[in-house]
C-alpha atoms as a PDB file:
ATOM      1  CA  UNK A   1      14.947  45.303 -22.707  1.00  0.00           C
ATOM      2  CA  UNK A   2      11.596  43.218 -22.186  1.00  0.00           C
ATOM      3  CA  UNK A   3      11.456  43.000 -18.417  1.00  0.00           C
ATOM      4  CA  UNK A   4      12.232  46.930 -17.322  1.00  0.00           C
ATOM      5  CA  UNK A   5       8.388  46.885 -18.943  1.00  0.00           C
ATOM      6  CA  UNK A   6       6.683  45.287 -16.772  1.00  0.00           C
ATOM      7  CA  UNK A   7       6.943  45.015 -12.697  1.00  0.00           C
ATOM      8  CA  UNK A   8       7.785  41.397 -12.584  1.00  0.00           C
ATOM      9  CA  UNK A   9       6.493  41.959  -8.658  1.00  0.00           C
ATOM     10  CA  UNK A  10       2.920  40.728 -10.363  1.00  0.00           C
ATOM     11  CA  UNK A  11       4.518  37.450 -11.515  1.00  0.00           C
ATOM     12  CA  UNK A  12       3.877  35.695  -7.805  1.00  0.00           C
ATOM     13  CA  UNK A  13       0.467  37.358  -7.739  1.00  0.00           C
ATOM     14  CA  UNK A  14      -0.336  36.223 -11.176  1.00  0.00           C
ATOM     15  CA  UNK A  15       1.546  32.643  -9.844  1.00  0.00           C
ATOM     16  CA  UNK A  16      -1.278  31.965  -6.555  1.00  0.00           C
ATOM     17  CA  UNK A  17      -4.122  33.757  -8.603  1.00  0.00           C
ATOM     18  CA  UNK A  18      -3.671  30.708 -11.093  1.00  0.00           C
ATOM     19  CA  UNK A  19      -3.547  27.762  -8.129  1.00  0.00           C
ATOM     20  CA  UNK A  20      -6.705  29.481  -6.361  1.00  0.00           C
ATOM     21  CA  UNK A  21      -8.472  31.247  -8.781  1.00  0.00           C
ATOM     22  CA  UNK A  22      -9.902  33.500  -6.001  1.00  0.00           C
ATOM     23  CA  UNK A  23      -8.810  37.081  -5.187  1.00  0.00           C
ATOM     24  CA  UNK A  24      -9.063  36.920  -1.070  1.00  0.00           C
ATOM     25  CA  UNK A  25      -7.104  33.406  -0.894  1.00  0.00           C
ATOM     26  CA  UNK A  26      -4.147  34.427  -3.108  1.00  0.00           C
ATOM     27  CA  UNK A  27      -4.249  38.005  -0.541  1.00  0.00           C
ATOM     28  CA  UNK A  28      -3.891  35.742   1.930  1.00  0.00           C
ATOM     29  CA  UNK A  29      -0.888  33.589   0.631  1.00  0.00           C
ATOM     30  CA  UNK A  30       1.051  37.011  -0.750  1.00  0.00           C
ATOM     31  CA  UNK A  31       0.356  38.920   1.997  1.00  0.00           C
ATOM     32  CA  UNK A  32      -2.033  41.849   0.415  1.00  0.00           C
ATOM     33  CA  UNK A  33      -5.412  43.279   1.055  1.00  0.00           C
ATOM     34  CA  UNK A  34      -7.641  41.398  -1.300  1.00  0.00           C
ATOM     35  CA  UNK A  35      -8.357  45.132  -3.200  1.00  0.00           C
ATOM     36  CA  UNK A  36      -4.288  45.175  -3.909  1.00  0.00           C
ATOM     37  CA  UNK A  37      -4.226  41.890  -5.255  1.00  0.00           C
ATOM     38  CA  UNK A  38      -7.853  42.626  -7.663  1.00  0.00           C
ATOM     39  CA  UNK A  39      -5.308  45.816  -9.258  1.00  0.00           C
ATOM     40  CA  UNK A  40      -2.729  43.876  -9.890  1.00  0.00           C
ATOM     41  CA  UNK A  41      -4.850  41.591 -11.521  1.00  0.00           C
ATOM     42  CA  UNK A  42      -6.346  44.503 -13.700  1.00  0.00           C
ATOM     43  CA  UNK A  43      -2.587  45.511 -14.086  1.00  0.00           C
ATOM     44  CA  UNK A  44      -2.245  41.642 -15.418  1.00  0.00           C
ATOM     45  CA  UNK A  45      -4.831  41.373 -17.784  1.00  0.00           C
ATOM     46  CA  UNK A  46      -3.502  44.204 -19.004  1.00  0.00           C
ATOM     47  CA  UNK A  47      -0.234  42.790 -20.257  1.00  0.00           C
ATOM     48  CA  UNK A  48      -1.248  39.602 -21.794  1.00  0.00           C
ATOM     49  CA  UNK A  49      -4.866  41.561 -22.704  1.00  0.00           C
ATOM     50  CA  UNK A  50      -6.995  38.211 -21.882  1.00  0.00           C
ATOM     51  CA  UNK A  51      -8.895  38.331 -18.698  1.00  0.00           C
ATOM     52  CA  UNK A  52      -6.783  35.239 -17.352  1.00  0.00           C
ATOM     53  CA  UNK A  53     -10.056  34.309 -14.307  1.00  0.00           C
ATOM     54  CA  UNK A  54     -13.743  35.386 -15.172  1.00  0.00           C
ATOM     55  CA  UNK A  55     -16.712  36.100 -12.850  1.00  0.00           C
ATOM     56  CA  UNK A  56     -19.019  32.317 -12.912  1.00  0.00           C
ATOM     57  CA  UNK A  57     -21.628  32.670 -10.353  1.00  0.00           C
ATOM     58  CA  UNK A  58     -20.257  33.348  -7.408  1.00  0.00           C
ATOM     59  CA  UNK A  59     -16.544  31.580  -8.270  1.00  0.00           C
ATOM     60  CA  UNK A  60     -13.596  32.475 -10.385  1.00  0.00           C
ATOM     61  CA  UNK A  61     -12.689  30.738 -13.503  1.00  0.00           C
ATOM     62  CA  UNK A  62      -9.798  30.503 -15.885  1.00  0.00           C
ATOM     63  CA  UNK A  63     -10.120  31.441 -19.115  1.00  0.00           C
ATOM     64  CA  UNK A  64      -8.301  29.621 -21.687  1.00  0.00           C
ATOM     65  CA  UNK A  65      -5.234  31.585 -21.668  1.00  0.00           C
ATOM     66  CA  UNK A  66      -4.924  31.811 -18.234  1.00  0.00           C
ATOM     67  CA  UNK A  67      -5.093  28.144 -17.757  1.00  0.00           C
ATOM     68  CA  UNK A  68      -2.307  27.847 -20.823  1.00  0.00           C
ATOM     69  CA  UNK A  69       0.031  30.133 -18.215  1.00  0.00           C
ATOM     70  CA  UNK A  70       0.441  27.667 -14.923  1.00  0.00           C
ATOM     71  CA  UNK A  71       2.513  25.666 -16.436  1.00  0.00           C
ATOM     72  CA  UNK A  72       5.030  28.178 -17.408  1.00  0.00           C
ATOM     73  CA  UNK A  73       4.352  30.777 -14.714  1.00  0.00           C
ATOM     74  CA  UNK A  74       5.323  27.799 -12.547  1.00  0.00           C
ATOM     75  CA  UNK A  75       8.256  26.926 -14.140  1.00  0.00           C
ATOM     76  CA  UNK A  76       9.708  30.706 -14.144  1.00  0.00           C
ATOM     77  CA  UNK A  77       9.216  30.855 -10.675  1.00  0.00           C
ATOM     78  CA  UNK A  78      10.574  28.045  -9.363  1.00  0.00           C
ATOM     79  CA  UNK A  79      12.911  28.681 -11.917  1.00  0.00           C
ATOM     80  CA  UNK A  80      14.107  32.118  -9.755  1.00  0.00           C
ATOM     81  CA  UNK A  81      13.920  30.908  -6.847  1.00  0.00           C
ATOM     82  CA  UNK A  82      16.367  28.672  -7.666  1.00  0.00           C
ATOM     83  CA  UNK A  83      18.483  31.244  -9.238  1.00  0.00           C
ATOM     84  CA  UNK A  84      18.078  33.175  -6.020  1.00  0.00           C
ATOM     85  CA  UNK A  85      17.878  30.334  -3.070  1.00  0.00           C
ATOM     86  CA  UNK A  86      21.585  29.951  -0.858  1.00  0.00           C
ATOM     87  CA  UNK A  87      24.087  27.719  -3.278  1.00  0.00           C
ATOM     88  CA  UNK A  88      24.437  25.879   0.128  1.00  0.00           C
ATOM     89  CA  UNK A  89      22.605  22.997   1.434  1.00  0.00           C
ATOM     90  CA  UNK A  90      23.099  21.258   4.745  1.00  0.00           C
ATOM     91  CA  UNK A  91      21.170  17.689   4.623  1.00  0.00           C
ATOM     92  CA  UNK A  92      22.123  17.458   8.669  1.00  0.00           C
ATOM     93  CA  UNK A  93      19.673  20.367   8.728  1.00  0.00           C
ATOM     94  CA  UNK A  94      17.458  20.228   6.195  1.00  0.00           C
ATOM     95  CA  UNK A  95      13.314  19.918   6.923  1.00  0.00           C
ATOM     96  CA  UNK A  96      12.848  20.375   3.408  1.00  0.00           C
ATOM     97  CA  UNK A  97      10.115  17.262   1.736  1.00  0.00           C
ATOM     98  CA  UNK A  98      10.846  15.844  -1.238  1.00  0.00           C
ATOM     99  CA  UNK A  99       8.343  14.050  -3.779  1.00  0.00           C
ATOM    100  CA  UNK A 100       9.076  11.055  -6.275  1.00  0.00           C
ATOM    101  CA  UNK A 101       6.254   9.888  -7.972  1.00  0.00           C
ATOM    102  CA  UNK A 102       6.580   6.341  -9.331  1.00  0.00           C
ATOM    103  CA  UNK A 103       4.651   2.724  -9.115  1.00  0.00           C
ATOM    104  CA  UNK A 104       4.277   0.774  -5.857  1.00  0.00           C
ATOM    105  CA  UNK A 105       6.790  -1.389  -7.120  1.00  0.00           C
ATOM    106  CA  UNK A 106       9.542   0.843  -6.940  1.00  0.00           C
ATOM    107  CA  UNK A 107       8.647   2.357  -3.704  1.00  0.00           C
ATOM    108  CA  UNK A 108       8.146  -1.085  -2.628  1.00  0.00           C
ATOM    109  CA  UNK A 109      12.151  -1.226  -3.528  1.00  0.00           C
ATOM    110  CA  UNK A 110      13.374   2.224  -2.510  1.00  0.00           C
ATOM    111  CA  UNK A 111      11.427   3.288   0.187  1.00  0.00           C
ATOM    112  CA  UNK A 112      13.317   0.998   3.159  1.00  0.00           C
ATOM    113  CA  UNK A 113      16.502   2.089   2.196  1.00  0.00           C
ATOM    114  CA  UNK A 114      15.760   6.013   2.185  1.00  0.00           C
ATOM    115  CA  UNK A 115      14.834   5.922   4.761  1.00  0.00           C
ATOM    116  CA  UNK A 116      17.585   3.946   7.079  1.00  0.00           C
ATOM    117  CA  UNK A 117      20.087   6.821   5.161  1.00  0.00           C
ATOM    118  CA  UNK A 118      17.670   9.671   5.893  1.00  0.00           C
ATOM    119  CA  UNK A 119      17.994   8.786   9.423  1.00  0.00           C
ATOM    120  CA  UNK A 120      21.649   9.218   9.229  1.00  0.00           C
ATOM    121  CA  UNK A 121      21.998  12.002   7.078  1.00  0.00           C
ATOM    122  CA  UNK A 122      19.229  13.960   6.992  1.00  0.00           C
ATOM    123  CA  UNK A 123      17.141  13.114  10.023  1.00  0.00           C
ATOM    124  CA  UNK A 124      14.484  16.858   9.576  1.00  0.00           C
ATOM    125  CA  UNK A 125      14.026  15.712   5.891  1.00  0.00           C
ATOM    126  CA  UNK A 126      10.553  13.797   4.642  1.00  0.00           C
ATOM    127  CA  UNK A 127      10.289  12.077   0.996  1.00  0.00           C
ATOM    128  CA  UNK A 128       6.813  11.670   0.005  1.00  0.00           C
ATOM    129  CA  UNK A 129       6.076   8.570  -2.793  1.00  0.00           C
ATOM    130  CA  UNK A 130       3.055   9.306  -4.435  1.00  0.00           C
ATOM    131  CA  UNK A 131       1.667   7.705  -8.067  1.00  0.00           C
ATOM    132  CA  UNK A 132       2.566   8.807 -10.852  1.00  0.00           C
ATOM    133  CA  UNK A 133      -0.191  10.989 -11.803  1.00  0.00           C
ATOM    134  CA  UNK A 134      -2.231  11.576 -14.686  1.00  0.00           C
ATOM    135  CA  UNK A 135      -0.441  14.800 -15.523  1.00  0.00           C
ATOM    136  CA  UNK A 136       2.737  14.021 -14.862  1.00  0.00           C
ATOM    137  CA  UNK A 137       4.480  16.365 -16.978  1.00  0.00           C
ATOM    138  CA  UNK A 138       3.285  19.429 -15.450  1.00  0.00           C
ATOM    139  CA  UNK A 139       3.172  18.393 -12.146  1.00  0.00           C
ATOM    140  CA  UNK A 140       6.898  17.797 -12.911  1.00  0.00           C
ATOM    141  CA  UNK A 141       7.037  21.152 -14.578  1.00  0.00           C
ATOM    142  CA  UNK A 142       5.639  23.169 -11.547  1.00  0.00           C
ATOM    143  CA  UNK A 143       7.583  21.372  -9.349  1.00  0.00           C
ATOM    144  CA  UNK A 144       4.212  19.457  -7.028  1.00  0.00           C
ATOM    145  CA  UNK A 145       7.049  16.810  -8.253  1.00  0.00           C
ATOM    146  CA  UNK A 146      11.050  16.469  -7.810  1.00  0.00           C
ATOM    147  CA  UNK A 147      11.431  13.465  -9.421  1.00  0.00           C
ATOM    148  CA  UNK A 148       9.531  10.831 -11.414  1.00  0.00           C
ATOM    149  CA  UNK A 149      10.855   7.191 -11.853  1.00  0.00           C
ATOM    150  CA  UNK A 150       9.833   5.278 -14.723  1.00  0.00           C
ATOM    151  CA  UNK A 151      10.349   2.895 -17.605  1.00  0.00           C
ATOM    152  CA  UNK A 152      11.902   4.536 -20.589  1.00  0.00           C
ATOM    153  CA  UNK A 153       8.103   3.349 -22.351  1.00  0.00           C
ATOM    154  CA  UNK A 154       5.751   5.833 -19.804  1.00  0.00           C
ATOM    155  CA  UNK A 155       8.043   8.883 -19.787  1.00  0.00           C
ATOM    156  CA  UNK A 156       8.325   9.480 -23.814  1.00  0.00           C
ATOM    157  CA  UNK A 157       5.624  12.006 -23.074  1.00  0.00           C
ATOM    158  CA  UNK A 158       8.237  13.839 -20.992  1.00  0.00           C
ATOM    159  CA  UNK A 159       9.629  17.212 -22.679  1.00  0.00           C
ATOM    160  CA  UNK A 160      12.773  18.333 -23.434  1.00  0.00           C
ATOM    161  CA  UNK A 161      13.304  20.908 -20.480  1.00  0.00           C
ATOM    162  CA  UNK A 162      14.093  17.402 -18.283  1.00  0.00           C
ATOM    163  CA  UNK A 163      16.955  15.601 -17.721  1.00  0.00           C
ATOM    164  CA  UNK A 164      16.982  11.869 -16.761  1.00  0.00           C
ATOM    165  CA  UNK A 165      19.446   8.500 -16.000  1.00  0.00           C
ATOM    166  CA  UNK A 166      18.881   5.254 -15.192  1.00  0.00           C
ATOM    167  CA  UNK A 167      18.241   3.751 -11.992  1.00  0.00           C
ATOM    168  CA  UNK A 168      18.117  -0.140 -11.914  1.00  0.00           C
ATOM    169  CA  UNK A 169      16.819  -3.105 -14.736  1.00  0.00           C
ATOM    170  CA  UNK A 170      15.128  -5.932 -14.022  1.00  0.00           C
ATOM    171  CA  UNK A 171      13.201  -8.822 -16.135  1.00  0.00           C
ATOM    172  CA  UNK A 172       9.851  -9.789 -15.950  1.00  0.00           C
ATOM    173  CA  UNK A 173       8.556 -12.412 -15.741  1.00  0.00           C
ATOM    174  CA  UNK A 174       5.087 -14.820 -15.291  1.00  0.00           C
ATOM    175  CA  UNK A 175       3.707 -15.782 -11.542  1.00  0.00           C
ATOM    176  CA  UNK A 176       0.994 -18.645 -11.287  1.00  0.00           C
ATOM    177  CA  UNK A 177      -0.552 -20.121  -7.748  1.00  0.00           C
ATOM    178  CA  UNK A 178       1.318 -22.781  -6.817  1.00  0.00           C
ATOM    179  CA  UNK A 179      -2.696 -24.033  -5.590  1.00  0.00           C
ATOM    180  CA  UNK A 180      -4.305 -22.779  -8.368  1.00  0.00           C
ATOM    181  CA  UNK A 181      -2.701 -23.290 -11.723  1.00  0.00           C
ATOM    182  CA  UNK A 182      -5.094 -24.636 -14.030  1.00  0.00           C
ATOM    183  CA  UNK A 183      -2.261 -26.207 -16.528  1.00  0.00           C
ATOM    184  CA  UNK A 184       0.492 -28.826 -15.788  1.00  0.00           C
ATOM    185  CA  UNK A 185       3.911 -29.160 -17.031  1.00  0.00           C
ATOM    186  CA  UNK A 186       6.141 -26.286 -18.806  1.00  0.00           C
ATOM    187  CA  UNK A 187       4.159 -23.239 -19.888  1.00  0.00           C
ATOM    188  CA  UNK A 188       4.171 -21.855 -23.246  1.00  0.00           C
ATOM    189  CA  UNK A 189       2.604 -19.322 -25.335  1.00  0.00           C
ATOM    190  CA  UNK A 190      -0.147 -21.534 -26.200  1.00  0.00           C
ATOM    191  CA  UNK A 191      -0.737 -21.900 -22.280  1.00  0.00           C
ATOM    192  CA  UNK A 192      -0.104 -18.206 -21.639  1.00  0.00           C
ATOM    193  CA  UNK A 193      -2.740 -17.554 -23.941  1.00  0.00           C
ATOM    194  CA  UNK A 194      -4.955 -19.855 -23.222  1.00  0.00           C
ATOM    195  CA  UNK A 195      -5.150 -18.598 -19.766  1.00  0.00           C
ATOM    196  CA  UNK A 196      -6.858 -15.774 -17.710  1.00  0.00           C
ATOM    197  CA  UNK A 197      -5.100 -12.881 -16.743  1.00  0.00           C
ATOM    198  CA  UNK A 198      -4.383 -10.180 -13.922  1.00  0.00           C
ATOM    199  CA  UNK A 199      -2.465  -6.956 -14.845  1.00  0.00           C
ATOM    200  CA  UNK A 200      -1.083  -3.435 -14.135  1.00  0.00           C
ATOM    201  CA  UNK A 201      -2.692  -0.693 -15.426  1.00  0.00           C
ATOM    202  CA  UNK A 202      -2.113   3.202 -14.569  1.00  0.00           C
ATOM    203  CA  UNK A 203      -4.550   5.352 -14.724  1.00  0.00           C
ATOM    204  CA  UNK A 204      -4.646   7.389 -18.148  1.00  0.00           C
ATOM    205  CA  UNK A 205      -5.174   4.756 -20.643  1.00  0.00           C
ATOM    206  CA  UNK A 206      -3.422   7.294 -22.907  1.00  0.00           C
ATOM    207  CA  UNK A 207      -0.159   6.206 -20.908  1.00  0.00           C
ATOM    208  CA  UNK A 208       1.750   2.450 -22.009  1.00  0.00           C
ATOM    209  CA  UNK A 209       3.023   0.399 -20.559  1.00  0.00           C
ATOM    210  CA  UNK A 210       6.450  -1.475 -20.430  1.00  0.00           C
ATOM    211  CA  UNK A 211       4.580  -5.086 -20.337  1.00  0.00           C
ATOM    212  CA  UNK A 212       1.642  -3.537 -22.963  1.00  0.00           C
ATOM    213  CA  UNK A 213       3.350  -2.354 -25.856  1.00  0.00           C
ATOM    214  CA  UNK A 214       6.238  -5.330 -25.418  1.00  0.00           C
ATOM    215  CA  UNK A 215       2.533  -8.027 -25.908  1.00  0.00           C
ATOM    216  CA  UNK A 216       1.587  -6.028 -28.711  1.00  0.00           C
ATOM    217  CA  UNK A 217       5.056  -5.789 -30.302  1.00  0.00           C
ATOM    218  CA  UNK A 218       5.096  -9.924 -29.632  1.00  0.00           C
ATOM    219  CA  UNK A 219       1.078 -10.112 -30.564  1.00  0.00           C
ATOM    220  CA  UNK A 220       0.705 -11.768 -27.929  1.00  0.00           C
ATOM    221  CA  UNK A 221      -3.268 -12.116 -27.073  1.00  0.00           C
ATOM    222  CA  UNK A 222      -3.542 -11.496 -23.243  1.00  0.00           C
ATOM    223  CA  UNK A 223      -7.358 -12.384 -21.495  1.00  0.00           C
ATOM    224  CA  UNK A 224      -7.562  -9.128 -18.125  1.00  0.00           C
ATOM    225  CA  UNK A 225     -10.190 -10.815 -16.020  1.00  0.00           C
ATOM    226  CA  UNK A 226      -9.007  -8.191 -13.259  1.00  0.00           C
ATOM    227  CA  UNK A 227      -6.363  -4.646 -13.641  1.00  0.00           C
ATOM    228  CA  UNK A 228      -5.284  -3.069 -11.007  1.00  0.00           C
ATOM    229  CA  UNK A 229      -3.279   0.599 -10.742  1.00  0.00           C
ATOM    230  CA  UNK A 230      -0.774  -1.410  -8.417  1.00  0.00           C
ATOM    231  CA  UNK A 231       2.274  -3.934  -9.064  1.00  0.00           C
ATOM    232  CA  UNK A 232       2.243  -4.973  -5.282  1.00  0.00           C
ATOM    233  CA  UNK A 233      -2.068  -6.334  -5.592  1.00  0.00           C
ATOM    234  CA  UNK A 234      -1.146  -9.134  -8.315  1.00  0.00           C
ATOM    235  CA  UNK A 235       1.031 -12.032  -6.302  1.00  0.00           C
ATOM    236  CA  UNK A 236      -2.528 -11.224  -3.656  1.00  0.00           C
ATOM    237  CA  UNK A 237      -5.005 -12.250  -6.505  1.00  0.00           C
ATOM    238  CA  UNK A 238      -2.589 -14.755  -8.105  1.00  0.00           C
ATOM    239  CA  UNK A 239      -2.388 -16.738  -5.820  1.00  0.00           C
ATOM    240  CA  UNK A 240      -6.574 -17.595  -4.841  1.00  0.00           C
ATOM    241  CA  UNK A 241      -7.057 -18.236  -8.537  1.00  0.00           C
ATOM    242  CA  UNK A 242      -6.004 -19.168 -11.730  1.00  0.00           C
ATOM    243  CA  UNK A 243      -4.706 -16.095 -13.514  1.00  0.00           C
ATOM    244  CA  UNK A 244      -1.603 -15.703 -14.368  1.00  0.00           C
ATOM    245  CA  UNK A 245       0.546 -12.505 -14.151  1.00  0.00           C
ATOM    246  CA  UNK A 246       3.381 -11.381 -15.518  1.00  0.00           C
ATOM    247  CA  UNK A 247       5.807  -9.453 -12.712  1.00  0.00           C
ATOM    248  CA  UNK A 248       9.249  -8.262 -11.614  1.00  0.00           C
ATOM    249  CA  UNK A 249      11.438 -10.480 -10.854  1.00  0.00           C
ATOM    250  CA  UNK A 250      12.750  -8.523  -7.784  1.00  0.00           C
ATOM    251  CA  UNK A 251       9.602  -8.306  -5.765  1.00  0.00           C
ATOM    252  CA  UNK A 252       8.030 -11.594  -7.409  1.00  0.00           C
ATOM    253  CA  UNK A 253      11.301 -13.126  -5.782  1.00  0.00           C
ATOM    254  CA  UNK A 254      10.312 -11.111  -2.169  1.00  0.00           C
ATOM    255  CA  UNK A 255       6.615 -11.828  -2.659  1.00  0.00           C
ATOM    256  CA  UNK A 256       7.195 -15.830  -3.177  1.00  0.00           C
ATOM    257  CA  UNK A 257       8.284 -15.561   0.690  1.00  0.00           C
ATOM    258  CA  UNK A 258       4.996 -14.381   1.264  1.00  0.00           C
ATOM    259  CA  UNK A 259       2.271 -15.903  -0.751  1.00  0.00           C
ATOM    260  CA  UNK A 260       1.821 -19.237  -2.465  1.00  0.00           C
ATOM    261  CA  UNK A 261       3.225 -18.731  -5.875  1.00  0.00           C
ATOM    262  CA  UNK A 262       5.532 -20.024  -7.629  1.00  0.00           C
ATOM    263  CA  UNK A 263       7.831 -17.925 -10.674  1.00  0.00           C
ATOM    264  CA  UNK A 264       7.705 -19.077 -14.460  1.00  0.00           C
ATOM    265  CA  UNK A 265       9.915 -17.857 -17.069  1.00  0.00           C
ATOM    266  CA  UNK A 266       8.166 -16.122 -18.918  1.00  0.00           C
ATOM    267  CA  UNK A 267       7.314 -18.559 -23.131  1.00  0.00           C
ATOM    268  CA  UNK A 268       8.324 -15.529 -24.875  1.00  0.00           C
ATOM    269  CA  UNK A 269      11.293 -12.974 -24.641  1.00  0.00           C
ATOM    270  CA  UNK A 270      10.258  -9.776 -23.089  1.00  0.00           C
ATOM    271  CA  UNK A 271      12.810  -7.427 -22.621  1.00  0.00           C
ATOM    272  CA  UNK A 272      14.301  -6.005 -19.171  1.00  0.00           C
ATOM    273  CA  UNK A 273      12.575  -3.114 -18.233  1.00  0.00           C
ATOM    274  CA  UNK A 274      14.794  -0.029 -17.590  1.00  0.00           C
ATOM    275  CA  UNK A 275      13.743   2.482 -15.064  1.00  0.00           C
ATOM    276  CA  UNK A 276      14.862   5.918 -15.357  1.00  0.00           C
ATOM    277  CA  UNK A 277      14.513   9.036 -12.906  1.00  0.00           C
ATOM    278  CA  UNK A 278      13.767  12.335 -14.482  1.00  0.00           C
ATOM    279  CA  UNK A 279      13.996  15.776 -12.932  1.00  0.00           C
ATOM    280  CA  UNK A 280      13.638  19.479 -14.297  1.00  0.00           C
ATOM    281  CA  UNK A 281      17.056  20.697 -15.845  1.00  0.00           C
ATOM    282  CA  UNK A 282      16.562  23.961 -14.196  1.00  0.00           C
ATOM    283  CA  UNK A 283      17.444  21.706 -11.141  1.00  0.00           C
ATOM    284  CA  UNK A 284      20.511  20.022 -12.668  1.00  0.00           C
ATOM    285  CA  UNK A 285      23.072  22.416  -9.861  1.00  0.00           C
ATOM    286  CA  UNK A 286      20.921  22.669  -7.389  1.00  0.00           C
ATOM    287  CA  UNK A 287      22.501  21.687  -4.258  1.00  0.00           C
ATOM    288  CA  UNK A 288      19.910  20.206  -2.171  1.00  0.00           C
ATOM    289  CA  UNK A 289      18.317  17.915  -5.024  1.00  0.00           C
ATOM    290  CA  UNK A 290      21.185  16.887  -6.589  1.00  0.00           C
ATOM    291  CA  UNK A 291      22.201  15.433  -2.745  1.00  0.00           C
ATOM    292  CA  UNK A 292      18.378  13.952  -3.293  1.00  0.00           C
ATOM    293  CA  UNK A 293      18.814  12.560  -6.719  1.00  0.00           C
ATOM    294  CA  UNK A 294      22.461  10.544  -5.235  1.00  0.00           C
ATOM    295  CA  UNK A 295      20.382   9.668  -2.245  1.00  0.00           C
ATOM    296  CA  UNK A 296      18.161   7.673  -4.890  1.00  0.00           C
ATOM    297  CA  UNK A 297      20.721   7.057  -6.559  1.00  0.00           C
ATOM    298  CA  UNK A 298      22.436   5.024  -3.406  1.00  0.00           C
ATOM    299  CA  UNK A 299      19.028   3.659  -2.604  1.00  0.00           C
ATOM    300  CA  UNK A 300      18.824   2.145  -6.108  1.00  0.00           C
ATOM    301  CA  UNK A 301      19.585  -2.538  -6.264  1.00  0.00           C
ATOM    302  CA  UNK A 302      22.210  -3.229  -8.420  1.00  0.00           C
ATOM    303  CA  UNK A 303      21.934  -4.185 -12.418  1.00  0.00           C
END
């Protein structure tokens, strides 16, 4: 049996070495002496037939093989932790921090209800909403993120080791300034294409958003004057300019109360935005993860 041929006690050490790229820091984390970690690294180099970490100046740097092991090592360690942890979870005594990666629009809709539910059910727990990271597949794989909430288009790069469920849908509308709009009457496609626009764009150019995919499929020419990474910035920009923007209906309805903007029906048909939650399949039966995903489901707006 292959497992019996290796000392699995070295795997947590490997995990920290890959994370920190430091023998001294790894020694502090795992509770060994630096010489003990160095000895473990020597054994790991034999096991993987690679240096894994090499000295560059005064620092250690990952080899190509070492870098390739990061995601797989994190996944293995997380799976073992799930295997060994208690089968019970009591949210009322939990102090765990759950991390959700999403656009600010999703956090805007969820965070108030999530906060209220946490106060009633898990006052010691915490939820962190963060922007979707560039390497979102890797962050989910290594457990830095518990759930990613994104449109189907954004989540296409997630691998088969993830599970998902639809959370809610929304429609896309056009918003314009009530004072600065450059046209009168009904918005047509020709007017839309002739106007300047502000738009949401994710930080990684390799990832497409729902809006950009739809516009591309429809052959819509959009003159982007400004792009931002926050949906909540769009109404503030639109109210002070002649620019138009595509925005989710729920967010637009909320922002009409605070900004001098109006909601216009799109002059072209835009498929509904479908938001899905994604998580590691290894956590499918983890009691804490199950409770948290149910908390998110209960925090969602109705379809």
